[in-house]
Amino acid sequence: MLNTDGHLRSDLLGASETFPIKGGELLVGAVGSIYFVDFDQTRERDRHINVVVLGSGEGV
């Protein structure tokens, strides 16, 4: 497989994350950032992300 290293990195880091939102603010800390990382570098293609917001709506 040409991109075995990409699959291993994805398995180690995971394919999704959950971040809390309170009062309309993303709670990633004072120096927190969110990065999108593409480990599959064998070919160029368009990427898409899905954002799902779950919750009761309290504190929004």
PDB file of N, CA and C in Angstrom:
ATOM      1  N   MET A   1       0.848  -1.175   0.000  1.00  0.00           N
ATOM      2  CA  MET A   1       0.000   0.000   0.000  1.00  0.00           C
ATOM      3  C   MET A   1       0.895   1.239   0.000  1.00  0.00           C
ATOM      4  N   LEU A   2       0.603   2.195  -0.875  1.00  0.00           N
ATOM      5  CA  LEU A   2       1.456   3.364  -1.020  1.00  0.00           C
ATOM      6  C   LEU A   2       1.358   4.350   0.135  1.00  0.00           C
ATOM      7  N   ASN A   3       0.247   4.383   0.825  1.00  0.00           N
ATOM      8  CA  ASN A   3       0.078   5.360   1.907  1.00  0.00           C
ATOM      9  C   ASN A   3      -0.159   4.673   3.253  1.00  0.00           C
ATOM     10  N   THR A   4       0.563   3.602   3.498  1.00  0.00           N
ATOM     11  CA  THR A   4       0.439   2.887   4.763  1.00  0.00           C
ATOM     12  C   THR A   4       0.711   3.805   5.942  1.00  0.00           C
ATOM     13  N   ASP A   5       1.719   4.666   5.815  1.00  0.00           N
ATOM     14  CA  ASP A   5       2.041   5.579   6.910  1.00  0.00           C
ATOM     15  C   ASP A   5       0.873   6.504   7.235  1.00  0.00           C
ATOM     16  N   GLY A   6       0.127   6.947   6.213  1.00  0.00           N
ATOM     17  CA  GLY A   6      -1.050   7.788   6.445  1.00  0.00           C
ATOM     18  C   GLY A   6      -2.135   7.064   7.207  1.00  0.00           C
ATOM     19  N   HIS A   7      -2.350   5.791   6.889  1.00  0.00           N
ATOM     20  CA  HIS A   7      -3.355   5.002   7.592  1.00  0.00           C
ATOM     21  C   HIS A   7      -2.947   4.760   9.043  1.00  0.00           C
ATOM     22  N   LEU A   8      -1.691   4.501   9.278  1.00  0.00           N
ATOM     23  CA  LEU A   8      -1.210   4.294  10.648  1.00  0.00           C
ATOM     24  C   LEU A   8      -1.339   5.567  11.476  1.00  0.00           C
ATOM     25  N   ARG A   9      -0.983   6.701  10.902  1.00  0.00           N
ATOM     26  CA  ARG A   9      -1.125   7.981  11.628  1.00  0.00           C
ATOM     27  C   ARG A   9      -2.589   8.259  11.956  1.00  0.00           C
ATOM     28  N   SER A  10      -3.472   8.004  11.003  1.00  0.00           N
ATOM     29  CA  SER A  10      -4.892   8.214  11.233  1.00  0.00           C
ATOM     30  C   SER A  10      -5.419   7.301  12.333  1.00  0.00           C
ATOM     31  N   ASP A  11      -4.968   6.048  12.342  1.00  0.00           N
ATOM     32  CA  ASP A  11      -5.388   5.121  13.396  1.00  0.00           C
ATOM     33  C   ASP A  11      -4.908   5.582  14.766  1.00  0.00           C
ATOM     34  N   LEU A  12      -3.712   6.121  14.836  1.00  0.00           N
ATOM     35  CA  LEU A  12      -3.163   6.569  16.116  1.00  0.00           C
ATOM     36  C   LEU A  12      -3.833   7.840  16.627  1.00  0.00           C
ATOM     37  N   LEU A  13      -4.127   8.770  15.725  1.00  0.00           N
ATOM     38  CA  LEU A  13      -4.692  10.059  16.129  1.00  0.00           C
ATOM     39  C   LEU A  13      -6.211  10.095  16.097  1.00  0.00           C
ATOM     40  N   GLY A  14      -6.824   9.219  15.331  1.00  0.00           N
ATOM     41  CA  GLY A  14      -8.278   9.204  15.228  1.00  0.00           C
ATOM     42  C   GLY A  14      -8.768  10.031  14.057  1.00  0.00           C
ATOM     43  N   ALA A  15     -10.024   9.819  13.717  1.00  0.00           N
ATOM     44  CA  ALA A  15     -10.601  10.490  12.556  1.00  0.00           C
ATOM     45  C   ALA A  15     -11.590  11.584  12.926  1.00  0.00           C
ATOM     46  N   SER A  16     -11.860  11.760  14.216  1.00  0.00           N
ATOM     47  CA  SER A  16     -12.809  12.797  14.611  1.00  0.00           C
ATOM     48  C   SER A  16     -12.479  13.291  16.014  1.00  0.00           C
ATOM     49  N   GLU A  17     -13.020  14.442  16.327  1.00  0.00           N
ATOM     50  CA  GLU A  17     -12.831  15.053  17.648  1.00  0.00           C
ATOM     51  C   GLU A  17     -14.134  15.682  18.099  1.00  0.00           C
ATOM     52  N   THR A  18     -14.233  15.912  19.396  1.00  0.00           N
ATOM     53  CA  THR A  18     -15.382  16.589  19.980  1.00  0.00           C
ATOM     54  C   THR A  18     -14.872  17.794  20.763  1.00  0.00           C
ATOM     55  N   PHE A  19     -15.471  18.949  20.521  1.00  0.00           N
ATOM     56  CA  PHE A  19     -15.075  20.172  21.210  1.00  0.00           C
ATOM     57  C   PHE A  19     -16.302  20.802  21.853  1.00  0.00           C
ATOM     58  N   PRO A  20     -16.198  21.209  23.113  1.00  0.00           N
ATOM     59  CA  PRO A  20     -17.349  21.839  23.777  1.00  0.00           C
ATOM     60  C   PRO A  20     -17.526  23.296  23.334  1.00  0.00           C
ATOM     61  N   ILE A  21     -18.771  23.719  23.298  1.00  0.00           N
ATOM     62  CA  ILE A  21     -19.123  25.111  23.021  1.00  0.00           C
ATOM     63  C   ILE A  21     -19.992  25.579  24.169  1.00  0.00           C
ATOM     64  N   LYS A  22     -19.654  26.723  24.735  1.00  0.00           N
ATOM     65  CA  LYS A  22     -20.439  27.282  25.834  1.00  0.00           C
ATOM     66  C   LYS A  22     -20.604  28.776  25.598  1.00  0.00           C
ATOM     67  N   GLY A  23     -21.842  29.231  25.689  1.00  0.00           N
ATOM     68  CA  GLY A  23     -22.120  30.653  25.475  1.00  0.00           C
ATOM     69  C   GLY A  23     -21.725  31.118  24.083  1.00  0.00           C
ATOM     70  N   GLY A  24     -21.793  30.222  23.108  1.00  0.00           N
ATOM     71  CA  GLY A  24     -21.435  30.571  21.738  1.00  0.00           C
ATOM     72  C   GLY A  24     -19.941  30.594  21.474  1.00  0.00           C
ATOM     73  N   GLU A  25     -19.127  30.205  22.454  1.00  0.00           N
ATOM     74  CA  GLU A  25     -17.676  30.209  22.312  1.00  0.00           C
ATOM     75  C   GLU A  25     -17.132  28.785  22.268  1.00  0.00           C
ATOM     76  N   LEU A  26     -16.206  28.540  21.371  1.00  0.00           N
ATOM     77  CA  LEU A  26     -15.528  27.265  21.279  1.00  0.00           C
ATOM     78  C   LEU A  26     -14.504  27.181  22.403  1.00  0.00           C
ATOM     79  N   LEU A  27     -14.599  26.152  23.237  1.00  0.00           N
ATOM     80  CA  LEU A  27     -13.732  26.033  24.407  1.00  0.00           C
ATOM     81  C   LEU A  27     -12.507  25.175  24.089  1.00  0.00           C
ATOM     82  N   VAL A  28     -11.510  25.799  23.484  1.00  0.00           N
ATOM     83  CA  VAL A  28     -10.260  25.104  23.178  1.00  0.00           C
ATOM     84  C   VAL A  28      -9.092  25.670  23.979  1.00  0.00           C
ATOM     85  N   GLY A  29      -9.380  26.550  24.934  1.00  0.00           N
ATOM     86  CA  GLY A  29      -8.330  27.134  25.764  1.00  0.00           C
ATOM     87  C   GLY A  29      -7.796  28.424  25.171  1.00  0.00           C
ATOM     88  N   ALA A  30      -6.962  29.097  25.955  1.00  0.00           N
ATOM     89  CA  ALA A  30      -6.439  30.403  25.551  1.00  0.00           C
ATOM     90  C   ALA A  30      -5.533  30.313  24.328  1.00  0.00           C
ATOM     91  N   VAL A  31      -4.826  29.220  24.180  1.00  0.00           N
ATOM     92  CA  VAL A  31      -3.908  29.083  23.048  1.00  0.00           C
ATOM     93  C   VAL A  31      -4.308  27.919  22.144  1.00  0.00           C
ATOM     94  N   GLY A  32      -5.538  27.438  22.288  1.00  0.00           N
ATOM     95  CA  GLY A  32      -5.998  26.277  21.517  1.00  0.00           C
ATOM     96  C   GLY A  32      -6.280  26.610  20.069  1.00  0.00           C
ATOM     97  N   SER A  33      -6.041  25.657  19.231  1.00  0.00           N
ATOM     98  CA  SER A  33      -6.311  25.771  17.803  1.00  0.00           C
ATOM     99  C   SER A  33      -6.826  24.431  17.297  1.00  0.00           C
ATOM    100  N   ILE A  34      -7.505  24.468  16.173  1.00  0.00           N
ATOM    101  CA  ILE A  34      -7.969  23.250  15.526  1.00  0.00           C
ATOM    102  C   ILE A  34      -7.299  23.189  14.162  1.00  0.00           C
ATOM    103  N   TYR A  35      -6.667  22.065  13.881  1.00  0.00           N
ATOM    104  CA  TYR A  35      -5.977  21.869  12.616  1.00  0.00           C
ATOM    105  C   TYR A  35      -6.598  20.695  11.867  1.00  0.00           C
ATOM    106  N   PHE A  36      -6.726  20.839  10.572  1.00  0.00           N
ATOM    107  CA  PHE A  36      -7.130  19.737   9.711  1.00  0.00           C
ATOM    108  C   PHE A  36      -5.855  19.159   9.111  1.00  0.00           C
ATOM    109  N   VAL A  37      -5.640  17.870   9.295  1.00  0.00           N
ATOM    110  CA  VAL A  37      -4.433  17.219   8.794  1.00  0.00           C
ATOM    111  C   VAL A  37      -4.833  16.125   7.813  1.00  0.00           C
ATOM    112  N   ASP A  38      -4.232  16.153   6.644  1.00  0.00           N
ATOM    113  CA  ASP A  38      -4.472  15.126   5.632  1.00  0.00           C
ATOM    114  C   ASP A  38      -3.224  14.260   5.525  1.00  0.00           C
ATOM    115  N   PHE A  39      -3.310  13.039   5.993  1.00  0.00           N
ATOM    116  CA  PHE A  39      -2.165  12.138   5.956  1.00  0.00           C
ATOM    117  C   PHE A  39      -2.057  11.371   4.640  1.00  0.00           C
ATOM    118  N   ASP A  40      -3.090  11.406   3.812  1.00  0.00           N
ATOM    119  CA  ASP A  40      -3.072  10.691   2.536  1.00  0.00           C
ATOM    120  C   ASP A  40      -2.527  11.630   1.472  1.00  0.00           C
ATOM    121  N   GLN A  41      -1.250  11.542   1.217  1.00  0.00           N
ATOM    122  CA  GLN A  41      -0.605  12.461   0.271  1.00  0.00           C
ATOM    123  C   GLN A  41      -0.281  11.786  -1.061  1.00  0.00           C
ATOM    124  N   THR A  42      -0.914  10.652  -1.337  1.00  0.00           N
ATOM    125  CA  THR A  42      -0.596   9.937  -2.566  1.00  0.00           C
ATOM    126  C   THR A  42      -1.254  10.551  -3.795  1.00  0.00           C
ATOM    127  N   ARG A  43      -2.327  11.316  -3.587  1.00  0.00           N
ATOM    128  CA  ARG A  43      -2.973  11.973  -4.723  1.00  0.00           C
ATOM    129  C   ARG A  43      -3.715  13.208  -4.240  1.00  0.00           C
ATOM    130  N   GLU A  44      -3.832  14.184  -5.125  1.00  0.00           N
ATOM    131  CA  GLU A  44      -4.546  15.412  -4.795  1.00  0.00           C
ATOM    132  C   GLU A  44      -6.040  15.202  -5.005  1.00  0.00           C
ATOM    133  N   ARG A  45      -6.849  15.732  -4.095  1.00  0.00           N
ATOM    134  CA  ARG A  45      -8.304  15.655  -4.232  1.00  0.00           C
ATOM    135  C   ARG A  45      -8.943  16.680  -3.313  1.00  0.00           C
ATOM    136  N   ASP A  46     -10.214  16.953  -3.559  1.00  0.00           N
ATOM    137  CA  ASP A  46     -10.958  17.881  -2.704  1.00  0.00           C
ATOM    138  C   ASP A  46     -11.287  17.190  -1.391  1.00  0.00           C
ATOM    139  N   ARG A  47     -11.249  17.940  -0.299  1.00  0.00           N
ATOM    140  CA  ARG A  47     -11.573  17.417   1.026  1.00  0.00           C
ATOM    141  C   ARG A  47     -12.813  18.118   1.540  1.00  0.00           C
ATOM    142  N   HIS A  48     -13.589  17.411   2.334  1.00  0.00           N
ATOM    143  CA  HIS A  48     -14.798  17.958   2.938  1.00  0.00           C
ATOM    144  C   HIS A  48     -14.797  17.607   4.417  1.00  0.00           C
ATOM    145  N   ILE A  49     -15.310  18.498   5.237  1.00  0.00           N
ATOM    146  CA  ILE A  49     -15.464  18.214   6.655  1.00  0.00           C
ATOM    147  C   ILE A  49     -16.938  18.315   7.015  1.00  0.00           C
ATOM    148  N   ASN A  50     -17.336  17.591   8.036  1.00  0.00           N
ATOM    149  CA  ASN A  50     -18.699  17.672   8.560  1.00  0.00           C
ATOM    150  C   ASN A  50     -18.643  18.238   9.964  1.00  0.00           C
ATOM    151  N   VAL A  51     -19.476  19.220  10.206  1.00  0.00           N
ATOM    152  CA  VAL A  51     -19.597  19.796  11.557  1.00  0.00           C
ATOM    153  C   VAL A  51     -20.987  19.478  12.052  1.00  0.00           C
ATOM    154  N   VAL A  52     -21.060  18.811  13.191  1.00  0.00           N
ATOM    155  CA  VAL A  52     -22.339  18.435  13.803  1.00  0.00           C
ATOM    156  C   VAL A  52     -22.393  19.086  15.170  1.00  0.00           C
ATOM    157  N   VAL A  53     -23.455  19.825  15.431  1.00  0.00           N
ATOM    158  CA  VAL A  53     -23.650  20.475  16.729  1.00  0.00           C
ATOM    159  C   VAL A  53     -24.731  19.716  17.468  1.00  0.00           C
ATOM    160  N   LEU A  54     -24.381  19.195  18.626  1.00  0.00           N
ATOM    161  CA  LEU A  54     -25.323  18.447  19.455  1.00  0.00           C
ATOM    162  C   LEU A  54     -25.551  19.207  20.754  1.00  0.00           C
ATOM    163  N   GLY A  55     -26.735  19.102  21.295  1.00  0.00           N
ATOM    164  CA  GLY A  55     -26.979  19.705  22.591  1.00  0.00           C
ATOM    165  C   GLY A  55     -28.395  20.215  22.737  1.00  0.00           C
ATOM    166  N   SER A  56     -28.661  20.715  23.912  1.00  0.00           N
ATOM    167  CA  SER A  56     -30.009  21.177  24.240  1.00  0.00           C
ATOM    168  C   SER A  56     -30.235  22.632  23.847  1.00  0.00           C
ATOM    169  N   GLY A  57     -29.171  23.342  23.519  1.00  0.00           N
ATOM    170  CA  GLY A  57     -29.302  24.753  23.180  1.00  0.00           C
ATOM    171  C   GLY A  57     -29.173  25.660  24.366  1.00  0.00           C
ATOM    172  N   GLU A  58     -29.033  25.101  25.581  1.00  0.00           N
ATOM    173  CA  GLU A  58     -28.862  25.933  26.767  1.00  0.00           C
ATOM    174  C   GLU A  58     -27.499  26.586  26.752  1.00  0.00           C
ATOM    175  N   GLY A  59     -27.449  27.851  27.099  1.00  0.00           N
ATOM    176  CA  GLY A  59     -26.191  28.570  27.182  1.00  0.00           C
ATOM    177  C   GLY A  59     -25.651  29.027  25.849  1.00  0.00           C
ATOM    178  N   VAL A  60     -26.469  28.907  24.796  1.00  0.00           N
ATOM    179  CA  VAL A  60     -25.997  29.326  23.467  1.00  0.00           C
ATOM    180  C   VAL A  60     -26.222  30.807  23.286  1.00  0.00           C
TER     181      VAL A  60
END
